[in-house]
Amino acid sequence: MKSIKVNNFTKTYGKGKSKILAVDDVSFDVDHGEIFGLIGPDGAGKTSIFRMLTTVLLPDSGSASVENFDMVKDYKKIRQIVGYMPGKFSLYQDLTVEENLQFFASVFNTTIEENYDLIKDIYIQIEPFKHRKAGALSGGMKQKLALCCALIHKPKVLFLDEPTTGVDPVSRKEFWEMLQRLKKQGITMVVATPYMDEAALCDRIALVQHGKILSIETPANISNAYPDLLFEVKAGRTSSVLRSLENYSQKKNVYAYGEFVHLTIDRNENFKTASVHEYLKNAGFNNIEIYPVKASIEDSFIRLLSN
C-alpha cells in the first residue's frame, strides 16, 4: 500500500481570460517512509498540490488518497494524520515558543509530553528561547518551531512547502539533517522546494513546471539519464561567452550556470572540444577553459524545459 496516491489532479483559478491552469493532470504516488520532492520554481503548481492533498482545496477533477483515506470522503481523518508546514511562517507571532507548541498540541487533543520523543532533537535547540515570542525569533529558529508544531500530534505524513526559503545555508543544512532523522522514524515526507541542491537529498523527485510533471525518478537516475554531451565553459565574462556561444553551429543548448556557461551538444555529433576553443579564440576570448561535466538535476530540468 502506498502512503499517497494522486490520480489526474487538475486545478484552475479565475474565470474567462483570467483563468489560470495551476495543476494540469498530475499523477504520482509516494511510498511509506519516503522523502518525495516536488521540485520547481515559484508558480509551478507545488503549493496547489499540497493544499489539495491536505484537504484545504478541492481539485476540479481527479482523486487522491493519503494513508488509504479518500481526500473527499475521509477529509477529517486525513487532517488528523498529516502535518503541514507552509512556506510562509504562519504561527502566532504574539505567542511564545512554548505557547505555540501547547496550542497546536491541544488542537489535536494531545500534549507536548506525550509526543516529546518525536520533537526532542529539534526542540532542545529552541528550548532556551521557549519564553520568547515567536515573532522575535530568527529565521532558523522560526523554522524549527514550525516543524515542531507540525509534528506535535505525531503525523504519519508530513507536508513541507518550501520550508527553507529565506533561511541561511547553515540552517538549511541543519533542517535537512532533521528530516533524515525523522525518516528513520517512519514518517512519510513530501517536500516542495525550488532549490536543486535539496532535490538531491530526496529519495525520489518530481520535476514540476507550469502545473505539469515533467519527470519522476530518483535524483541519481534523472542525472544519469541525461542524453547529451555537456561541457562547462569559462572564458571571461559569462554574459559575453553566453552571447557568443548562442551562434556556435554545433550547440544544442547553452545557458549560464553560476560563473560558468553550460554547453550541450548532441551525442551523435562528430564533436571535438578543440572546435569550441578555436571558435571562442576567433571571437576574441582568451584564457579559455572547457571541461566535460556530469549533468546535475538542474541541467536535467533545463533540458526538459527546452524540449
C-alpha atoms as a PDB file:
ATOM      1  CA  MET A   1       0.000   0.000   0.000  1.00  0.00           C
ATOM      2  CA  LYS A   2       1.250   3.455  -0.952  1.00  0.00           C
ATOM      3  CA  SER A   3       1.268   6.291   1.556  1.00  0.00           C
ATOM      4  CA  ILE A   4      -0.074   8.768  -1.034  1.00  0.00           C
ATOM      5  CA  LYS A   5      -1.784   8.231  -4.378  1.00  0.00           C
ATOM      6  CA  VAL A   6      -2.657  11.110  -6.709  1.00  0.00           C
ATOM      7  CA  ASN A   7      -4.680  10.457  -9.857  1.00  0.00           C
ATOM      8  CA  ASN A   8      -5.123  13.109 -12.558  1.00  0.00           C
ATOM      9  CA  PHE A   9      -5.261  16.219 -10.357  1.00  0.00           C
ATOM     10  CA  THR A  10      -6.430  19.349 -12.196  1.00  0.00           C
ATOM     11  CA  LYS A  11      -6.926  22.770 -10.620  1.00  0.00           C
ATOM     12  CA  THR A  12      -7.742  26.123 -12.197  1.00  0.00           C
ATOM     13  CA  TYR A  13      -8.146  29.605 -10.715  1.00  0.00           C
ATOM     14  CA  GLY A  14     -10.153  32.507 -12.087  1.00  0.00           C
ATOM     15  CA  LYS A  15     -12.625  32.699 -14.951  1.00  0.00           C
ATOM     16  CA  GLY A  16     -12.658  33.716 -18.588  1.00  0.00           C
ATOM     17  CA  LYS A  17      -9.500  35.380 -19.861  1.00  0.00           C
ATOM     18  CA  SER A  18      -8.015  35.493 -16.360  1.00  0.00           C
ATOM     19  CA  LYS A  19      -8.365  31.718 -15.946  1.00  0.00           C
ATOM     20  CA  ILE A  20      -5.113  30.039 -14.882  1.00  0.00           C
ATOM     21  CA  LEU A  21      -4.432  26.311 -15.079  1.00  0.00           C
ATOM     22  CA  ALA A  22      -2.356  25.771 -11.929  1.00  0.00           C
ATOM     23  CA  VAL A  23      -2.282  21.952 -11.867  1.00  0.00           C
ATOM     24  CA  ASP A  24      -2.546  20.084 -15.157  1.00  0.00           C
ATOM     25  CA  ASP A  25      -3.500  16.377 -14.999  1.00  0.00           C
ATOM     26  CA  VAL A  26      -0.928  15.459 -12.330  1.00  0.00           C
ATOM     27  CA  SER A  27      -0.486  11.854 -11.121  1.00  0.00           C
ATOM     28  CA  PHE A  28       2.096  10.351  -8.759  1.00  0.00           C
ATOM     29  CA  ASP A  29       2.419   8.146  -5.689  1.00  0.00           C
ATOM     30  CA  VAL A  30       4.613   8.204  -2.608  1.00  0.00           C
ATOM     31  CA  ASP A  31       5.965   5.169  -0.755  1.00  0.00           C
ATOM     32  CA  HIS A  32       5.749   4.753   3.010  1.00  0.00           C
ATOM     33  CA  GLY A  33       8.691   6.371   4.794  1.00  0.00           C
ATOM     34  CA  GLU A  34       9.894   8.103   1.632  1.00  0.00           C
ATOM     35  CA  ILE A  35      11.117  11.688   1.233  1.00  0.00           C
ATOM     36  CA  PHE A  36       9.420  12.716  -2.005  1.00  0.00           C
ATOM     37  CA  GLY A  37      10.309  16.063  -3.570  1.00  0.00           C
ATOM     38  CA  LEU A  38       8.195  18.362  -5.741  1.00  0.00           C
ATOM     39  CA  ILE A  39      10.884  20.384  -7.485  1.00  0.00           C
ATOM     40  CA  GLY A  40      10.167  23.512  -9.460  1.00  0.00           C
ATOM     41  CA  PRO A  41      10.147  27.324  -9.478  1.00  0.00           C
ATOM     42  CA  ASP A  42       7.536  29.580  -7.908  1.00  0.00           C
ATOM     43  CA  GLY A  43       4.247  29.274  -9.772  1.00  0.00           C
ATOM     44  CA  ALA A  44       4.887  25.690 -10.888  1.00  0.00           C
ATOM     45  CA  GLY A  45       1.827  24.380  -9.002  1.00  0.00           C
ATOM     46  CA  LYS A  46       3.520  22.821  -5.968  1.00  0.00           C
ATOM     47  CA  THR A  47       1.509  24.691  -3.314  1.00  0.00           C
ATOM     48  CA  SER A  48      -1.801  23.943  -5.049  1.00  0.00           C
ATOM     49  CA  ILE A  49      -0.957  20.225  -4.976  1.00  0.00           C
ATOM     50  CA  PHE A  50      -0.137  20.493  -1.274  1.00  0.00           C
ATOM     51  CA  ARG A  51      -3.363  22.298  -0.448  1.00  0.00           C
ATOM     52  CA  MET A  52      -5.413  19.655  -2.225  1.00  0.00           C
ATOM     53  CA  LEU A  53      -3.603  16.771  -0.514  1.00  0.00           C
ATOM     54  CA  THR A  54      -4.111  18.380   2.907  1.00  0.00           C
ATOM     55  CA  THR A  55      -7.840  18.848   2.077  1.00  0.00           C
ATOM     56  CA  VAL A  56      -7.703  22.649   2.129  1.00  0.00           C
ATOM     57  CA  LEU A  57      -8.666  22.802  -1.574  1.00  0.00           C
ATOM     58  CA  LEU A  58     -10.742  20.528  -3.783  1.00  0.00           C
ATOM     59  CA  PRO A  59      -9.416  19.644  -7.247  1.00  0.00           C
ATOM     60  CA  ASP A  60     -11.529  20.466 -10.300  1.00  0.00           C
ATOM     61  CA  SER A  61     -11.027  16.844 -11.319  1.00  0.00           C
ATOM     62  CA  GLY A  62      -9.027  13.852 -10.182  1.00  0.00           C
ATOM     63  CA  SER A  63      -8.746  11.980  -6.901  1.00  0.00           C
ATOM     64  CA  ALA A  64      -6.242  11.202  -4.172  1.00  0.00           C
ATOM     65  CA  SER A  65      -5.766   9.139  -1.043  1.00  0.00           C
ATOM     66  CA  VAL A  66      -3.498   9.644   1.962  1.00  0.00           C
ATOM     67  CA  GLU A  67      -2.771   6.517   4.025  1.00  0.00           C
ATOM     68  CA  ASN A  68      -5.669   4.881   2.145  1.00  0.00           C
ATOM     69  CA  PHE A  69      -8.131   7.609   3.202  1.00  0.00           C
ATOM     70  CA  ASP A  70     -10.014   9.314   0.367  1.00  0.00           C
ATOM     71  CA  MET A  71      -9.332  13.050   0.292  1.00  0.00           C
ATOM     72  CA  VAL A  72     -13.040  13.900  -0.111  1.00  0.00           C
ATOM     73  CA  LYS A  73     -14.926  11.261   1.872  1.00  0.00           C
ATOM     74  CA  ASP A  74     -12.332  10.944   4.644  1.00  0.00           C
ATOM     75  CA  TYR A  75     -11.017  14.505   4.850  1.00  0.00           C
ATOM     76  CA  LYS A  76     -11.463  14.693   8.639  1.00  0.00           C
ATOM     77  CA  LYS A  77      -9.380  11.552   9.129  1.00  0.00           C
ATOM     78  CA  ILE A  78      -6.674  12.871   6.806  1.00  0.00           C
ATOM     79  CA  ARG A  79      -6.412  16.087   8.805  1.00  0.00           C
ATOM     80  CA  GLN A  80      -5.723  14.045  11.936  1.00  0.00           C
ATOM     81  CA  ILE A  81      -2.804  12.106  10.415  1.00  0.00           C
ATOM     82  CA  VAL A  82      -0.954  14.779   8.417  1.00  0.00           C
ATOM     83  CA  GLY A  83       1.336  17.624   9.439  1.00  0.00           C
ATOM     84  CA  TYR A  84       1.624  20.719   7.244  1.00  0.00           C
ATOM     85  CA  MET A  85       4.383  23.300   7.321  1.00  0.00           C
ATOM     86  CA  PRO A  86       3.586  26.141   4.878  1.00  0.00           C
ATOM     87  CA  GLY A  87       6.299  28.179   3.211  1.00  0.00           C
ATOM     88  CA  LYS A  88       5.302  31.379   4.979  1.00  0.00           C
ATOM     89  CA  PHE A  89       5.727  31.404   8.768  1.00  0.00           C
ATOM     90  CA  SER A  90       2.144  31.098   9.964  1.00  0.00           C
ATOM     91  CA  LEU A  91       2.377  30.522  13.709  1.00  0.00           C
ATOM     92  CA  TYR A  92       1.085  33.034  16.254  1.00  0.00           C
ATOM     93  CA  GLN A  93       3.665  35.811  16.405  1.00  0.00           C
ATOM     94  CA  ASP A  94       2.438  37.135  19.774  1.00  0.00           C
ATOM     95  CA  LEU A  95       2.560  33.748  21.498  1.00  0.00           C
ATOM     96  CA  THR A  96       5.776  32.399  22.946  1.00  0.00           C
ATOM     97  CA  VAL A  97       7.553  29.324  21.599  1.00  0.00           C
ATOM     98  CA  GLU A  98       6.074  27.184  24.377  1.00  0.00           C
ATOM     99  CA  GLU A  99       2.576  28.659  23.982  1.00  0.00           C
ATOM    100  CA  ASN A 100       2.527  27.963  20.245  1.00  0.00           C
ATOM    101  CA  LEU A 101       3.551  24.370  20.817  1.00  0.00           C
ATOM    102  CA  GLN A 102       0.975  23.873  23.595  1.00  0.00           C
ATOM    103  CA  PHE A 103      -1.748  25.352  21.407  1.00  0.00           C
ATOM    104  CA  PHE A 104      -1.085  23.034  18.453  1.00  0.00           C
ATOM    105  CA  ALA A 105      -0.877  20.030  20.767  1.00  0.00           C
ATOM    106  CA  SER A 106      -4.271  20.937  22.257  1.00  0.00           C
ATOM    107  CA  VAL A 107      -5.852  21.225  18.788  1.00  0.00           C
ATOM    108  CA  PHE A 108      -5.093  17.521  18.296  1.00  0.00           C
ATOM    109  CA  ASN A 109      -6.052  16.537  21.845  1.00  0.00           C
ATOM    110  CA  THR A 110      -2.512  15.638  22.817  1.00  0.00           C
ATOM    111  CA  THR A 111       0.276  17.134  24.921  1.00  0.00           C
ATOM    112  CA  ILE A 112       3.889  18.109  24.416  1.00  0.00           C
ATOM    113  CA  GLU A 113       4.935  15.447  26.906  1.00  0.00           C
ATOM    114  CA  GLU A 114       3.060  12.651  25.127  1.00  0.00           C
ATOM    115  CA  ASN A 115       4.938  13.086  21.838  1.00  0.00           C
ATOM    116  CA  TYR A 116       8.102  14.750  23.118  1.00  0.00           C
ATOM    117  CA  ASP A 117      10.283  11.896  21.842  1.00  0.00           C
ATOM    118  CA  LEU A 118       9.389  12.848  18.264  1.00  0.00           C
ATOM    119  CA  ILE A 119      10.387  16.515  18.555  1.00  0.00           C
ATOM    120  CA  LYS A 120      13.106  16.236  21.218  1.00  0.00           C
ATOM    121  CA  ASP A 121      16.103  16.585  18.861  1.00  0.00           C
ATOM    122  CA  ILE A 122      14.576  19.705  17.322  1.00  0.00           C
ATOM    123  CA  TYR A 123      13.013  21.269  20.402  1.00  0.00           C
ATOM    124  CA  ILE A 124      16.176  21.205  22.525  1.00  0.00           C
ATOM    125  CA  GLN A 125      17.657  23.701  20.048  1.00  0.00           C
ATOM    126  CA  ILE A 126      14.889  26.242  20.677  1.00  0.00           C
ATOM    127  CA  GLU A 127      14.074  25.367  24.308  1.00  0.00           C
ATOM    128  CA  PRO A 128      16.391  28.110  25.691  1.00  0.00           C
ATOM    129  CA  PHE A 129      14.052  30.589  23.937  1.00  0.00           C
ATOM    130  CA  LYS A 130      10.759  28.947  24.979  1.00  0.00           C
ATOM    131  CA  HIS A 131       9.537  32.162  26.674  1.00  0.00           C
ATOM    132  CA  ARG A 132      10.384  34.349  23.677  1.00  0.00           C
ATOM    133  CA  LYS A 133       7.571  35.437  21.352  1.00  0.00           C
ATOM    134  CA  ALA A 134       7.618  33.584  18.039  1.00  0.00           C
ATOM    135  CA  GLY A 135       7.740  36.832  16.078  1.00  0.00           C
ATOM    136  CA  ALA A 136      11.073  37.708  17.707  1.00  0.00           C
ATOM    137  CA  LEU A 137      12.833  34.501  16.637  1.00  0.00           C
ATOM    138  CA  SER A 138      15.446  34.290  13.882  1.00  0.00           C
ATOM    139  CA  GLY A 139      14.534  32.641  10.575  1.00  0.00           C
ATOM    140  CA  GLY A 140      16.202  29.372  11.511  1.00  0.00           C
ATOM    141  CA  MET A 141      14.517  29.246  14.911  1.00  0.00           C
ATOM    142  CA  LYS A 142      11.093  30.012  13.387  1.00  0.00           C
ATOM    143  CA  GLN A 143      11.666  27.129  11.014  1.00  0.00           C
ATOM    144  CA  LYS A 144      12.438  24.725  13.868  1.00  0.00           C
ATOM    145  CA  LEU A 145       9.397  25.885  15.843  1.00  0.00           C
ATOM    146  CA  ALA A 146       7.115  25.445  12.824  1.00  0.00           C
ATOM    147  CA  LEU A 147       8.446  21.924  12.314  1.00  0.00           C
ATOM    148  CA  CYS A 148       7.840  21.073  15.989  1.00  0.00           C
ATOM    149  CA  CYS A 149       4.250  22.333  15.730  1.00  0.00           C
ATOM    150  CA  ALA A 150       3.690  20.268  12.569  1.00  0.00           C
ATOM    151  CA  LEU A 151       4.999  17.152  14.338  1.00  0.00           C
ATOM    152  CA  ILE A 152       3.478  17.508  17.814  1.00  0.00           C
ATOM    153  CA  HIS A 153       0.478  15.255  17.051  1.00  0.00           C
ATOM    154  CA  LYS A 154       2.731  12.506  15.627  1.00  0.00           C
ATOM    155  CA  PRO A 155       1.572  12.641  11.985  1.00  0.00           C
ATOM    156  CA  LYS A 156       2.041   9.735   9.592  1.00  0.00           C
ATOM    157  CA  VAL A 157       2.625  12.091   6.657  1.00  0.00           C
ATOM    158  CA  LEU A 158       4.397  15.454   6.748  1.00  0.00           C
ATOM    159  CA  PHE A 159       3.936  18.088   4.028  1.00  0.00           C
ATOM    160  CA  LEU A 160       6.667  20.741   3.862  1.00  0.00           C
ATOM    161  CA  ASP A 161       6.018  23.586   1.426  1.00  0.00           C
ATOM    162  CA  GLU A 162       9.307  25.344   0.601  1.00  0.00           C
ATOM    163  CA  PRO A 163      10.395  25.091   4.252  1.00  0.00           C
ATOM    164  CA  THR A 164      13.877  26.583   3.762  1.00  0.00           C
ATOM    165  CA  THR A 165      13.041  29.611   1.616  1.00  0.00           C
ATOM    166  CA  GLY A 166      14.776  32.695   3.026  1.00  0.00           C
ATOM    167  CA  VAL A 167      16.775  30.665   5.555  1.00  0.00           C
ATOM    168  CA  ASP A 168      20.570  30.844   5.782  1.00  0.00           C
ATOM    169  CA  PRO A 169      22.683  27.932   4.370  1.00  0.00           C
ATOM    170  CA  VAL A 170      23.646  26.583   7.809  1.00  0.00           C
ATOM    171  CA  SER A 171      20.007  26.411   8.928  1.00  0.00           C
ATOM    172  CA  ARG A 172      19.059  24.774   5.618  1.00  0.00           C
ATOM    173  CA  LYS A 173      21.673  22.073   6.191  1.00  0.00           C
ATOM    174  CA  GLU A 174      20.504  21.507   9.775  1.00  0.00           C
ATOM    175  CA  PHE A 175      16.893  21.305   8.625  1.00  0.00           C
ATOM    176  CA  TRP A 176      17.614  18.531   6.129  1.00  0.00           C
ATOM    177  CA  GLU A 177      19.579  16.633   8.754  1.00  0.00           C
ATOM    178  CA  MET A 178      16.454  16.792  10.921  1.00  0.00           C
ATOM    179  CA  LEU A 179      14.338  15.422   8.066  1.00  0.00           C
ATOM    180  CA  GLN A 180      16.708  12.488   7.637  1.00  0.00           C
ATOM    181  CA  ARG A 181      16.310  11.666  11.330  1.00  0.00           C
ATOM    182  CA  LEU A 182      12.521  11.868  11.036  1.00  0.00           C
ATOM    183  CA  LYS A 183      12.646   9.499   8.069  1.00  0.00           C
ATOM    184  CA  LYS A 184      14.222   6.864  10.327  1.00  0.00           C
ATOM    185  CA  GLN A 185      11.087   7.079  12.474  1.00  0.00           C
ATOM    186  CA  GLY A 186       8.960   6.007   9.506  1.00  0.00           C
ATOM    187  CA  ILE A 187       7.335   9.348   8.685  1.00  0.00           C
ATOM    188  CA  THR A 188       6.464   9.885   5.032  1.00  0.00           C
ATOM    189  CA  MET A 189       7.500  13.346   3.833  1.00  0.00           C
ATOM    190  CA  VAL A 190       6.582  15.377   0.771  1.00  0.00           C
ATOM    191  CA  VAL A 191       8.814  18.419   0.336  1.00  0.00           C
ATOM    192  CA  ALA A 192       8.296  21.225  -2.169  1.00  0.00           C
ATOM    193  CA  THR A 193      11.418  23.229  -2.971  1.00  0.00           C
ATOM    194  CA  PRO A 194      12.839  25.438  -5.736  1.00  0.00           C
ATOM    195  CA  TYR A 195      16.399  24.511  -4.685  1.00  0.00           C
ATOM    196  CA  MET A 196      18.042  21.910  -6.907  1.00  0.00           C
ATOM    197  CA  ASP A 197      20.655  21.018  -4.275  1.00  0.00           C
ATOM    198  CA  GLU A 198      17.835  19.991  -1.943  1.00  0.00           C
ATOM    199  CA  ALA A 199      16.360  17.798  -4.667  1.00  0.00           C
ATOM    200  CA  ALA A 200      19.415  15.554  -4.397  1.00  0.00           C
ATOM    201  CA  LEU A 201      18.538  14.881  -0.735  1.00  0.00           C
ATOM    202  CA  CYS A 202      15.162  13.319  -1.596  1.00  0.00           C
ATOM    203  CA  ASP A 203      14.562   9.627  -2.301  1.00  0.00           C
ATOM    204  CA  ARG A 204      12.568  10.449  -5.435  1.00  0.00           C
ATOM    205  CA  ILE A 205      11.631  13.709  -7.085  1.00  0.00           C
ATOM    206  CA  ALA A 206       9.004  15.036  -9.461  1.00  0.00           C
ATOM    207  CA  LEU A 207      10.176  17.905 -11.671  1.00  0.00           C
ATOM    208  CA  VAL A 208       7.229  20.321 -11.983  1.00  0.00           C
ATOM    209  CA  GLN A 209       6.682  23.261 -14.322  1.00  0.00           C
ATOM    210  CA  HIS A 210       3.507  25.100 -15.410  1.00  0.00           C
ATOM    211  CA  GLY A 211       1.381  22.676 -13.418  1.00  0.00           C
ATOM    212  CA  LYS A 212       2.704  19.574 -15.192  1.00  0.00           C
ATOM    213  CA  ILE A 213       5.092  16.862 -14.019  1.00  0.00           C
ATOM    214  CA  LEU A 214       7.998  16.574 -16.448  1.00  0.00           C
ATOM    215  CA  SER A 215       9.703  13.567 -14.865  1.00  0.00           C
ATOM    216  CA  ILE A 216       9.566  11.380 -11.748  1.00  0.00           C
ATOM    217  CA  GLU A 217      12.664   9.435 -10.727  1.00  0.00           C
ATOM    218  CA  THR A 218      15.429   9.180  -8.162  1.00  0.00           C
ATOM    219  CA  PRO A 219      17.815  12.158  -8.308  1.00  0.00           C
ATOM    220  CA  ALA A 220      20.650   9.895  -9.481  1.00  0.00           C
ATOM    221  CA  ASN A 221      18.582   8.332 -12.268  1.00  0.00           C
ATOM    222  CA  ILE A 222      17.416  11.720 -13.530  1.00  0.00           C
ATOM    223  CA  SER A 223      21.030  12.921 -13.776  1.00  0.00           C
ATOM    224  CA  ASN A 224      22.287   9.645 -15.284  1.00  0.00           C
ATOM    225  CA  ALA A 225      19.580   9.718 -17.966  1.00  0.00           C
ATOM    226  CA  TYR A 226      20.934  12.978 -19.416  1.00  0.00           C
ATOM    227  CA  PRO A 227      21.289  12.112 -23.123  1.00  0.00           C
ATOM    228  CA  ASP A 228      23.562  14.866 -24.430  1.00  0.00           C
ATOM    229  CA  LEU A 229      27.229  15.777 -24.129  1.00  0.00           C
ATOM    230  CA  LEU A 230      27.622  18.511 -21.525  1.00  0.00           C
ATOM    231  CA  PHE A 231      30.543  20.918 -21.165  1.00  0.00           C
ATOM    232  CA  GLU A 232      31.472  23.660 -18.740  1.00  0.00           C
ATOM    233  CA  VAL A 233      32.959  26.703 -20.434  1.00  0.00           C
ATOM    234  CA  LYS A 234      34.761  29.683 -18.946  1.00  0.00           C
ATOM    235  CA  ALA A 235      36.457  32.449 -20.900  1.00  0.00           C
ATOM    236  CA  GLY A 236      35.946  35.768 -19.132  1.00  0.00           C
ATOM    237  CA  ARG A 237      32.588  37.453 -18.607  1.00  0.00           C
ATOM    238  CA  THR A 238      29.828  34.847 -18.518  1.00  0.00           C
ATOM    239  CA  SER A 239      27.331  37.058 -20.369  1.00  0.00           C
ATOM    240  CA  SER A 240      29.768  37.644 -23.237  1.00  0.00           C
ATOM    241  CA  VAL A 241      30.633  33.953 -23.574  1.00  0.00           C
ATOM    242  CA  LEU A 242      26.932  33.081 -23.495  1.00  0.00           C
ATOM    243  CA  ARG A 243      26.088  35.522 -26.293  1.00  0.00           C
ATOM    244  CA  SER A 244      28.934  34.231 -28.424  1.00  0.00           C
ATOM    245  CA  LEU A 245      28.095  30.531 -27.987  1.00  0.00           C
ATOM    246  CA  GLU A 246      24.475  31.199 -28.960  1.00  0.00           C
ATOM    247  CA  ASN A 247      25.793  31.296 -32.541  1.00  0.00           C
ATOM    248  CA  TYR A 248      28.048  28.236 -32.260  1.00  0.00           C
ATOM    249  CA  SER A 249      26.892  25.848 -35.008  1.00  0.00           C
ATOM    250  CA  GLN A 250      27.070  22.586 -33.034  1.00  0.00           C
ATOM    251  CA  LYS A 251      25.398  23.808 -29.840  1.00  0.00           C
ATOM    252  CA  LYS A 252      22.131  22.180 -28.860  1.00  0.00           C
ATOM    253  CA  ASN A 253      21.601  24.455 -25.862  1.00  0.00           C
ATOM    254  CA  VAL A 254      23.650  26.988 -23.945  1.00  0.00           C
ATOM    255  CA  TYR A 255      22.895  28.709 -20.626  1.00  0.00           C
ATOM    256  CA  ALA A 256      24.540  30.374 -17.650  1.00  0.00           C
ATOM    257  CA  TYR A 257      25.419  28.106 -14.738  1.00  0.00           C
ATOM    258  CA  GLY A 258      26.922  30.101 -11.899  1.00  0.00           C
ATOM    259  CA  GLU A 259      30.240  31.547 -13.059  1.00  0.00           C
ATOM    260  CA  PHE A 260      30.328  29.123 -16.000  1.00  0.00           C
ATOM    261  CA  VAL A 261      28.422  28.569 -19.216  1.00  0.00           C
ATOM    262  CA  HIS A 262      26.999  25.103 -19.830  1.00  0.00           C
ATOM    263  CA  LEU A 263      27.056  23.951 -23.426  1.00  0.00           C
ATOM    264  CA  THR A 264      25.155  20.884 -24.630  1.00  0.00           C
ATOM    265  CA  ILE A 265      25.997  19.003 -27.810  1.00  0.00           C
ATOM    266  CA  ASP A 266      24.037  16.185 -29.416  1.00  0.00           C
ATOM    267  CA  ARG A 267      25.795  12.932 -28.528  1.00  0.00           C
ATOM    268  CA  ASN A 268      25.616  11.813 -32.171  1.00  0.00           C
ATOM    269  CA  GLU A 269      27.533  14.866 -33.377  1.00  0.00           C
ATOM    270  CA  ASN A 270      31.101  14.453 -34.580  1.00  0.00           C
ATOM    271  CA  PHE A 271      32.383  16.835 -31.927  1.00  0.00           C
ATOM    272  CA  LYS A 272      35.749  17.853 -30.518  1.00  0.00           C
ATOM    273  CA  THR A 273      36.286  20.358 -27.715  1.00  0.00           C
ATOM    274  CA  ALA A 274      39.058  21.932 -29.762  1.00  0.00           C
ATOM    275  CA  SER A 275      36.401  23.334 -32.098  1.00  0.00           C
ATOM    276  CA  VAL A 276      34.808  25.327 -29.240  1.00  0.00           C
ATOM    277  CA  HIS A 277      38.232  26.553 -28.166  1.00  0.00           C
ATOM    278  CA  GLU A 278      39.010  27.707 -31.707  1.00  0.00           C
ATOM    279  CA  TYR A 279      35.567  29.303 -32.095  1.00  0.00           C
ATOM    280  CA  LEU A 280      35.951  31.347 -28.904  1.00  0.00           C
ATOM    281  CA  LYS A 281      39.542  32.285 -29.703  1.00  0.00           C
ATOM    282  CA  ASN A 282      38.451  33.613 -33.098  1.00  0.00           C
ATOM    283  CA  ALA A 283      35.722  35.572 -31.294  1.00  0.00           C
ATOM    284  CA  GLY A 284      38.411  37.344 -29.252  1.00  0.00           C
ATOM    285  CA  PHE A 285      38.347  35.365 -25.999  1.00  0.00           C
ATOM    286  CA  ASN A 286      41.440  34.348 -24.021  1.00  0.00           C
ATOM    287  CA  ASN A 287      42.102  32.019 -21.042  1.00  0.00           C
ATOM    288  CA  ILE A 288      39.532  29.600 -22.407  1.00  0.00           C
ATOM    289  CA  GLU A 289      38.605  26.603 -20.238  1.00  0.00           C
ATOM    290  CA  ILE A 290      36.399  23.747 -21.495  1.00  0.00           C
ATOM    291  CA  TYR A 291      35.641  20.619 -19.466  1.00  0.00           C
ATOM    292  CA  PRO A 292      33.162  17.757 -19.848  1.00  0.00           C
ATOM    293  CA  VAL A 293      30.902  17.582 -16.756  1.00  0.00           C
ATOM    294  CA  LYS A 294      28.290  15.240 -15.334  1.00  0.00           C
ATOM    295  CA  ALA A 295      24.758  16.604 -15.587  1.00  0.00           C
ATOM    296  CA  SER A 296      23.153  17.856 -12.387  1.00  0.00           C
ATOM    297  CA  ILE A 297      19.414  17.798 -11.631  1.00  0.00           C
ATOM    298  CA  GLU A 298      19.308  21.455 -12.673  1.00  0.00           C
ATOM    299  CA  ASP A 299      20.844  20.579 -16.060  1.00  0.00           C
ATOM    300  CA  SER A 300      18.232  17.845 -16.493  1.00  0.00           C
ATOM    301  CA  PHE A 301      15.446  20.256 -15.553  1.00  0.00           C
ATOM    302  CA  ILE A 302      16.660  22.850 -18.068  1.00  0.00           C
ATOM    303  CA  ARG A 303      16.836  20.173 -20.800  1.00  0.00           C
ATOM    304  CA  LEU A 304      13.249  19.077 -20.106  1.00  0.00           C
ATOM    305  CA  LEU A 305      12.045  22.689 -20.235  1.00  0.00           C
ATOM    306  CA  SER A 306      13.746  23.299 -23.583  1.00  0.00           C
ATOM    307  CA  ASN A 307      12.284  20.179 -25.254  1.00  0.00           C
END
